[in-house]
Each structure stands twice: as C-alpha cells, then as structure tokens.
Amino acid sequence: MGNNNKNLKIESFILLPEYIVKDLNKIDQTKFINIKKQEDLRNQNLDFEHLEGALSIQHRDKMIFGFKYWDLIDQLWFCLMTAIKELINNTKTEFYFPDQPTKVILEKKDNHLSIIINNDKTNFDFYEFIKTSIDASLEFYNALIKIFPEKKDFIHQDIKYIEEIKKLYEFN
C-alpha cells in the first residue's frame, strides 16, 4: 500500500508512551514511530485504548497535518474517514481532532478538495486525496492488527467501515 505520488504523502506514526510533549515547537520526532515498523511498536508498552500518534499529511513540501497535531491516532483516522464519507453527498464537511480544539474543514469543488486547518488552506486533487487517504488508513488499521492481535475483531470493524467508503468511491 502506501503512496509513491510526489505531490501527496500520508503516513501514520505512533507516539512512544514514555515521551511527554512539553513544547509543540520542539517535538522530538524520533519519539514517533512509523506504523510500518510494527516490530518496533509491538515491543513498546502501547495502550490500545489511548493510542497517541500523528497523522502526517504532506502535500508537495507543505506539512498539512503533522507531529504538532498529535492526538488519539485511531480516532483521528476515523474522523477523517467519516468526513471523506460525508463528501460523497456534501460539498463541505468538518470535524475536530479527537482530543484538542483543532477544527478541520474539507470543501469539495469540482475535482478539487480544500482542507482548511487553523485558517491555513491547502488544495488537492480530490480523487488523489481520497484514494491516498483510504489506502493510508487501511495500511494503519492493518498494521494495528499486527501490533494488537488480541484486538483484531474490534479493528476489523474499522477496516470494514473504510472498505465500505472505498466501495462508495468505486476504487479498486
């Protein structure tokens, strides 16, 4: 999975539980482990019920989401997927990060998508963003199964939800 497109890169990172972020301008990014490194993550004392991390959305050289917006990563993915689902029948939707007052607005116009976060607007190709997000979310949840095999039935519910959204957009 993942995306090799130069314009858009979406990755999931898990925050190591012993690291406390004290200053949002001085975040130690080495304390965030890419979800692709399941072996490294499985050895950590991660709390499935309170899984903090960062959703990195990079468009060209601009970081849209990133480490300064770390939050409950599984819930953040769910919020983003729900917003993407709402864009099937709406031109605009919004959500807040699960554990902070950061609002995200998604606006669809023709084949373009604008994401506005803290009054900072970035434009994307609509279908590229949707497909890349769906692929990255499935990569995230499938990695969670490897990290938390005992939670696989619960995680499969989220995967099924994303697969339903993927079908609505008719991606193969």
C-alpha atoms as a PDB file:
ATOM      1  CA  MET A   1       0.000   0.000   0.000  1.00  0.00           C
ATOM      2  CA  GLY A   2       1.252   3.499   0.700  1.00  0.00           C
ATOM      3  CA  ASN A   3       1.610   6.102  -1.968  1.00  0.00           C
ATOM      4  CA  ASN A   4       4.571   6.953  -4.153  1.00  0.00           C
ATOM      5  CA  ASN A   5       2.985  10.096  -5.579  1.00  0.00           C
ATOM      6  CA  LYS A   6       5.370  13.050  -5.287  1.00  0.00           C
ATOM      7  CA  ASN A   7       2.572  15.516  -4.531  1.00  0.00           C
ATOM      8  CA  LEU A   8       0.876  13.755  -1.640  1.00  0.00           C
ATOM      9  CA  LYS A   9       2.269  11.588   1.134  1.00  0.00           C
ATOM     10  CA  ILE A  10       0.178  10.322   4.051  1.00  0.00           C
ATOM     11  CA  GLU A  11       1.755   8.363   6.895  1.00  0.00           C
ATOM     12  CA  SER A  12       0.771   7.286  10.395  1.00  0.00           C
ATOM     13  CA  PHE A  13       3.053   7.495  13.407  1.00  0.00           C
ATOM     14  CA  ILE A  14       2.612   6.182  16.949  1.00  0.00           C
ATOM     15  CA  LEU A  15       3.904   8.261  19.855  1.00  0.00           C
ATOM     16  CA  LEU A  16       6.039   6.296  22.304  1.00  0.00           C
ATOM     17  CA  PRO A  17       4.171   6.198  25.626  1.00  0.00           C
ATOM     18  CA  GLU A  18       7.066   7.380  27.811  1.00  0.00           C
ATOM     19  CA  TYR A  19       7.516  10.603  25.811  1.00  0.00           C
ATOM     20  CA  ILE A  20       5.710  13.696  27.108  1.00  0.00           C
ATOM     21  CA  VAL A  21       5.337  16.576  24.650  1.00  0.00           C
ATOM     22  CA  LYS A  22       6.095  19.741  26.617  1.00  0.00           C
ATOM     23  CA  ASP A  23       6.550  22.257  23.785  1.00  0.00           C
ATOM     24  CA  LEU A  24       4.695  21.992  20.456  1.00  0.00           C
ATOM     25  CA  ASN A  25       7.519  23.894  18.756  1.00  0.00           C
ATOM     26  CA  LYS A  26      10.179  21.439  19.956  1.00  0.00           C
ATOM     27  CA  ILE A  27       8.694  17.993  19.383  1.00  0.00           C
ATOM     28  CA  ASP A  28      11.186  15.133  19.247  1.00  0.00           C
ATOM     29  CA  GLN A  29      10.026  13.396  16.070  1.00  0.00           C
ATOM     30  CA  THR A  30      12.195  10.374  16.859  1.00  0.00           C
ATOM     31  CA  LYS A  31       9.667   9.543  19.607  1.00  0.00           C
ATOM     32  CA  PHE A  32       7.073   8.913  16.880  1.00  0.00           C
ATOM     33  CA  ILE A  33       7.444   5.506  15.200  1.00  0.00           C
ATOM     34  CA  ASN A  34       6.088   4.928  11.691  1.00  0.00           C
ATOM     35  CA  ILE A  35       3.198   2.437  11.746  1.00  0.00           C
ATOM     36  CA  LYS A  36       5.092   0.420   9.112  1.00  0.00           C
ATOM     37  CA  LYS A  37       7.597  -0.566  11.830  1.00  0.00           C
ATOM     38  CA  GLN A  38       5.238  -2.963  13.591  1.00  0.00           C
ATOM     39  CA  GLU A  39       8.080  -4.997  15.088  1.00  0.00           C
ATOM     40  CA  ASP A  40       9.417  -1.911  16.869  1.00  0.00           C
ATOM     41  CA  LEU A  41       5.935  -0.905  18.009  1.00  0.00           C
ATOM     42  CA  ARG A  42       4.969  -4.352  19.284  1.00  0.00           C
ATOM     43  CA  ASN A  43       7.798  -4.147  21.826  1.00  0.00           C
ATOM     44  CA  GLN A  44       6.501  -0.887  23.291  1.00  0.00           C
ATOM     45  CA  ASN A  45       4.062  -0.649  26.169  1.00  0.00           C
ATOM     46  CA  LEU A  46       1.289   0.792  23.959  1.00  0.00           C
ATOM     47  CA  ASP A  47      -2.211   1.365  25.290  1.00  0.00           C
ATOM     48  CA  PHE A  48      -4.752   0.397  22.632  1.00  0.00           C
ATOM     49  CA  GLU A  49      -7.480   2.381  24.420  1.00  0.00           C
ATOM     50  CA  HIS A  50      -5.373   5.573  24.418  1.00  0.00           C
ATOM     51  CA  LEU A  51      -3.148   5.315  21.343  1.00  0.00           C
ATOM     52  CA  GLU A  52      -1.490   8.635  20.642  1.00  0.00           C
ATOM     53  CA  GLY A  53       0.229   9.436  17.410  1.00  0.00           C
ATOM     54  CA  ALA A  54       0.413  11.718  14.432  1.00  0.00           C
ATOM     55  CA  LEU A  55      -1.179  11.650  11.039  1.00  0.00           C
ATOM     56  CA  SER A  56       1.334  13.135   8.628  1.00  0.00           C
ATOM     57  CA  ILE A  57      -0.220  14.617   5.501  1.00  0.00           C
ATOM     58  CA  GLN A  58       2.366  16.239   3.295  1.00  0.00           C
ATOM     59  CA  HIS A  59       1.446  17.972   0.045  1.00  0.00           C
ATOM     60  CA  ARG A  60       4.459  18.802  -2.088  1.00  0.00           C
ATOM     61  CA  ASP A  61       6.737  20.407   0.541  1.00  0.00           C
ATOM     62  CA  LYS A  62       3.955  21.572   2.847  1.00  0.00           C
ATOM     63  CA  MET A  63       3.028  19.687   6.027  1.00  0.00           C
ATOM     64  CA  ILE A  64      -0.777  19.845   6.429  1.00  0.00           C
ATOM     65  CA  PHE A  65      -1.152  17.679   9.494  1.00  0.00           C
ATOM     66  CA  GLY A  66       1.942  16.623  11.356  1.00  0.00           C
ATOM     67  CA  PHE A  67       3.602  15.994  14.666  1.00  0.00           C
ATOM     68  CA  LYS A  68       2.391  19.222  16.292  1.00  0.00           C
ATOM     69  CA  TYR A  69      -1.167  17.910  15.816  1.00  0.00           C
ATOM     70  CA  TRP A  70      -0.528  14.585  17.553  1.00  0.00           C
ATOM     71  CA  ASP A  71      -3.666  13.104  19.023  1.00  0.00           C
ATOM     72  CA  LEU A  72      -5.534   9.843  19.504  1.00  0.00           C
ATOM     73  CA  ILE A  73      -4.470   8.472  16.134  1.00  0.00           C
ATOM     74  CA  ASP A  74      -7.089   5.762  15.609  1.00  0.00           C
ATOM     75  CA  GLN A  75      -9.882   8.214  16.423  1.00  0.00           C
ATOM     76  CA  LEU A  76      -8.309  10.860  14.190  1.00  0.00           C
ATOM     77  CA  TRP A  77      -8.263   8.403  11.282  1.00  0.00           C
ATOM     78  CA  PHE A  78     -11.902   7.556  11.975  1.00  0.00           C
ATOM     79  CA  CYS A  79     -12.837  11.276  11.961  1.00  0.00           C
ATOM     80  CA  LEU A  80     -11.060  11.801   8.644  1.00  0.00           C
ATOM     81  CA  MET A  81     -12.681   8.724   7.068  1.00  0.00           C
ATOM     82  CA  THR A  82     -16.122   9.843   8.255  1.00  0.00           C
ATOM     83  CA  ALA A  83     -15.511  13.280   6.720  1.00  0.00           C
ATOM     84  CA  ILE A  84     -14.458  11.627   3.444  1.00  0.00           C
ATOM     85  CA  LYS A  85     -17.657   9.572   3.527  1.00  0.00           C
ATOM     86  CA  GLU A  86     -19.714  12.739   4.064  1.00  0.00           C
ATOM     87  CA  LEU A  87     -18.130  14.310   0.962  1.00  0.00           C
ATOM     88  CA  ILE A  88     -19.942  11.787  -1.223  1.00  0.00           C
ATOM     89  CA  ASN A  89     -23.220  13.692  -0.702  1.00  0.00           C
ATOM     90  CA  ASN A  90     -21.946  17.059   0.525  1.00  0.00           C
ATOM     91  CA  THR A  91     -19.607  19.730  -0.775  1.00  0.00           C
ATOM     92  CA  LYS A  92     -18.390  20.666   2.697  1.00  0.00           C
ATOM     93  CA  THR A  93     -17.821  18.865   5.976  1.00  0.00           C
ATOM     94  CA  GLU A  94     -15.806  19.453   9.118  1.00  0.00           C
ATOM     95  CA  PHE A  95     -14.525  17.680  12.187  1.00  0.00           C
ATOM     96  CA  TYR A  96     -12.411  18.390  15.244  1.00  0.00           C
ATOM     97  CA  PHE A  97      -9.338  16.499  16.309  1.00  0.00           C
ATOM     98  CA  PRO A  98     -10.460  13.956  18.937  1.00  0.00           C
ATOM     99  CA  ASP A  99      -8.617  15.416  21.924  1.00  0.00           C
ATOM    100  CA  GLN A 100      -7.995  19.076  21.030  1.00  0.00           C
ATOM    101  CA  PRO A 101      -9.970  22.057  19.721  1.00  0.00           C
ATOM    102  CA  THR A 102      -8.416  21.954  16.241  1.00  0.00           C
ATOM    103  CA  LYS A 103     -11.070  22.184  13.532  1.00  0.00           C
ATOM    104  CA  VAL A 104     -10.577  20.701  10.076  1.00  0.00           C
ATOM    105  CA  ILE A 105     -12.803  21.785   7.174  1.00  0.00           C
ATOM    106  CA  LEU A 106     -12.965  19.831   3.920  1.00  0.00           C
ATOM    107  CA  GLU A 107     -14.537  21.514   0.887  1.00  0.00           C
ATOM    108  CA  LYS A 108     -15.114  19.827  -2.468  1.00  0.00           C
ATOM    109  CA  LYS A 109     -15.448  21.825  -5.661  1.00  0.00           C
ATOM    110  CA  ASP A 110     -15.390  20.029  -8.999  1.00  0.00           C
ATOM    111  CA  ASN A 111     -12.308  17.778  -8.907  1.00  0.00           C
ATOM    112  CA  HIS A 112     -10.604  19.754  -6.155  1.00  0.00           C
ATOM    113  CA  LEU A 113     -10.553  19.406  -2.389  1.00  0.00           C
ATOM    114  CA  SER A 114      -9.573  22.162   0.005  1.00  0.00           C
ATOM    115  CA  ILE A 115      -8.519  21.334   3.541  1.00  0.00           C
ATOM    116  CA  ILE A 116      -8.564  24.207   5.993  1.00  0.00           C
ATOM    117  CA  ILE A 117      -6.911  23.748   9.371  1.00  0.00           C
ATOM    118  CA  ASN A 118      -6.366  26.769  11.637  1.00  0.00           C
ATOM    119  CA  ASN A 119      -7.226  29.105   8.733  1.00  0.00           C
ATOM    120  CA  ASP A 120      -4.489  27.529   6.589  1.00  0.00           C
ATOM    121  CA  LYS A 121      -5.945  26.295   3.297  1.00  0.00           C
ATOM    122  CA  THR A 122      -4.380  23.662   1.032  1.00  0.00           C
ATOM    123  CA  ASN A 123      -5.805  22.466  -2.276  1.00  0.00           C
ATOM    124  CA  PHE A 124      -5.613  18.894  -3.539  1.00  0.00           C
ATOM    125  CA  ASP A 125      -6.797  16.852  -6.453  1.00  0.00           C
ATOM    126  CA  PHE A 126      -9.994  15.442  -4.921  1.00  0.00           C
ATOM    127  CA  TYR A 127      -9.680  11.817  -6.017  1.00  0.00           C
ATOM    128  CA  GLU A 128      -5.945  11.654  -5.364  1.00  0.00           C
ATOM    129  CA  PHE A 129      -6.528  12.810  -1.788  1.00  0.00           C
ATOM    130  CA  ILE A 130      -9.455  10.441  -1.218  1.00  0.00           C
ATOM    131  CA  LYS A 131      -7.678   7.400  -2.649  1.00  0.00           C
ATOM    132  CA  THR A 132      -4.395   8.144  -0.853  1.00  0.00           C
ATOM    133  CA  SER A 133      -6.242   8.686   2.448  1.00  0.00           C
ATOM    134  CA  ILE A 134      -8.216   5.459   2.137  1.00  0.00           C
ATOM    135  CA  ASP A 135      -5.086   3.465   1.279  1.00  0.00           C
ATOM    136  CA  ALA A 136      -3.125   5.018   4.172  1.00  0.00           C
ATOM    137  CA  SER A 137      -5.980   4.400   6.631  1.00  0.00           C
ATOM    138  CA  LEU A 138      -6.208   0.742   5.609  1.00  0.00           C
ATOM    139  CA  GLU A 139      -2.433   0.480   5.992  1.00  0.00           C
ATOM    140  CA  PHE A 140      -2.779   1.966   9.503  1.00  0.00           C
ATOM    141  CA  TYR A 141      -5.579  -0.343  10.662  1.00  0.00           C
ATOM    142  CA  ASN A 142      -3.977  -3.453   9.140  1.00  0.00           C
ATOM    143  CA  ALA A 143      -0.759  -2.582  10.991  1.00  0.00           C
ATOM    144  CA  LEU A 144      -2.764  -2.188  14.219  1.00  0.00           C
ATOM    145  CA  ILE A 145      -3.898  -5.811  13.872  1.00  0.00           C
ATOM    146  CA  LYS A 146      -0.246  -6.898  13.829  1.00  0.00           C
ATOM    147  CA  ILE A 147       0.562  -4.741  16.867  1.00  0.00           C
ATOM    148  CA  PHE A 148      -2.597  -5.662  18.813  1.00  0.00           C
ATOM    149  CA  PRO A 149      -3.623  -9.120  17.511  1.00  0.00           C
ATOM    150  CA  GLU A 150      -5.926  -9.588  20.509  1.00  0.00           C
ATOM    151  CA  LYS A 151      -7.978  -6.583  19.303  1.00  0.00           C
ATOM    152  CA  LYS A 152      -8.361  -7.794  15.713  1.00  0.00           C
ATOM    153  CA  ASP A 153     -12.151  -8.243  15.845  1.00  0.00           C
ATOM    154  CA  PHE A 154     -12.556  -4.669  17.039  1.00  0.00           C
ATOM    155  CA  ILE A 155     -10.076  -3.317  14.465  1.00  0.00           C
ATOM    156  CA  HIS A 156     -11.777  -5.288  11.669  1.00  0.00           C
ATOM    157  CA  GLN A 157     -14.909  -3.184  12.270  1.00  0.00           C
ATOM    158  CA  ASP A 158     -12.935  -0.056  11.350  1.00  0.00           C
ATOM    159  CA  ILE A 159     -11.426  -1.778   8.300  1.00  0.00           C
ATOM    160  CA  LYS A 160     -14.886  -2.840   7.162  1.00  0.00           C
ATOM    161  CA  TYR A 161     -16.114   0.757   7.544  1.00  0.00           C
ATOM    162  CA  ILE A 162     -13.226   2.046   5.387  1.00  0.00           C
ATOM    163  CA  GLU A 163     -13.768  -0.691   2.787  1.00  0.00           C
ATOM    164  CA  GLU A 164     -17.416   0.441   2.536  1.00  0.00           C
ATOM    165  CA  ILE A 165     -16.270   4.037   1.931  1.00  0.00           C
ATOM    166  CA  LYS A 166     -13.793   2.777  -0.674  1.00  0.00           C
ATOM    167  CA  LYS A 167     -16.654   0.992  -2.494  1.00  0.00           C
ATOM    168  CA  LEU A 168     -18.754   4.170  -2.439  1.00  0.00           C
ATOM    169  CA  TYR A 169     -15.945   5.910  -4.322  1.00  0.00           C
ATOM    170  CA  GLU A 170     -15.583   2.879  -6.622  1.00  0.00           C
ATOM    171  CA  PHE A 171     -11.826   2.474  -6.173  1.00  0.00           C
ATOM    172  CA  ASN A 172     -10.374  -0.916  -6.951  1.00  0.00           C
END
